[in-house]
Amino acid sequence: MELECYPTTERPPEMVAGRPNRAWMDHFAERHPYRCLPLTMANTSGWELLSPLSFTAEWTGGTHQQDIKLTPDHPHPDFHKHAQSHFSHGVLTFHSGYLFRTPPGWSMWVMGPPNHVKDGIQPLSGVVETDWLPFPFTMNWVFTRPGKVRFEKGEPFAFITLLEDKTLHEIQPVIRRMDKNPELRHQYDVWEKHRSEFNQKIFRQDPEATKQAWQRYYFKGEFPEEVAPARQDHVNKRRLKTPKFGG
């Protein structure tokens, strides 16, 4: 499979595989949030588009296009092509700089970088049928209150990943009692027992539990020993390919 990326500007933004690190996660004692595998997997399950320059965006709170003021730190010939006030009502618009083409049946999920927190502004998400679309899309953020926000050079302004969405309408959610699935019920009960016992040991400051610090069943793709062997298809580190130049 290929994700085809056609630049629509002479100097398109840099595109890199999603990176796991987040500033707010780094600030925790012992970088505790990185123990949450779903967080780091989300951070790396796509590609980031990076801002080519640093700039400040300020919203007055008004509903007109001119109520957003954009000020680059330094003059840049492509700034007007990168970010602008287009939709009004406090919406800041970025141009991706690419026309993307995905394999048949695959769409592109466009969003802000996962778990990348910015005060005062919120990324908007969109799903685009890039398996046929012959023109690019925009990435939009909406101010949550009047004020200033900063985008630094090299900071991701968009995050893209692929979604095989054409079959979603065929999926029927079904709510069932867990007792109807005895194997799953047993696995859940054993996990719950282990988790409760471990948390009680942590509360009592048990030396062994304190040294272990956290249970790693999900991180390792393991079940408690008496349930089942470890999963062979478990992934705990994403290794996406770096974009390359093609013919």
Foldseek 3Di string as FASTA:
>chain_A
DDKDWAFPDPDFFFKWFFAQDEPVLVPDVVSVVLLVLVSSCLRGQFMFGFDQFKWKWFAPQDQDQVRIDIGTPDDDPCPVQAWGRDRGRQKIKGFRRTQIADAPLKWKKKWFRGPHDWPQKHWDIDIGRRNDDPDGDITMIGGPDGGMTMGHGGRGPMTMHMDSCPCVVVDDDDDDDCVVPVLVVVQVVVVVVVVVVLVVCVVVVPVVSVVVVDDCCLLQQHGPPVRDGRDPPRDRDDDDDRDDDDD
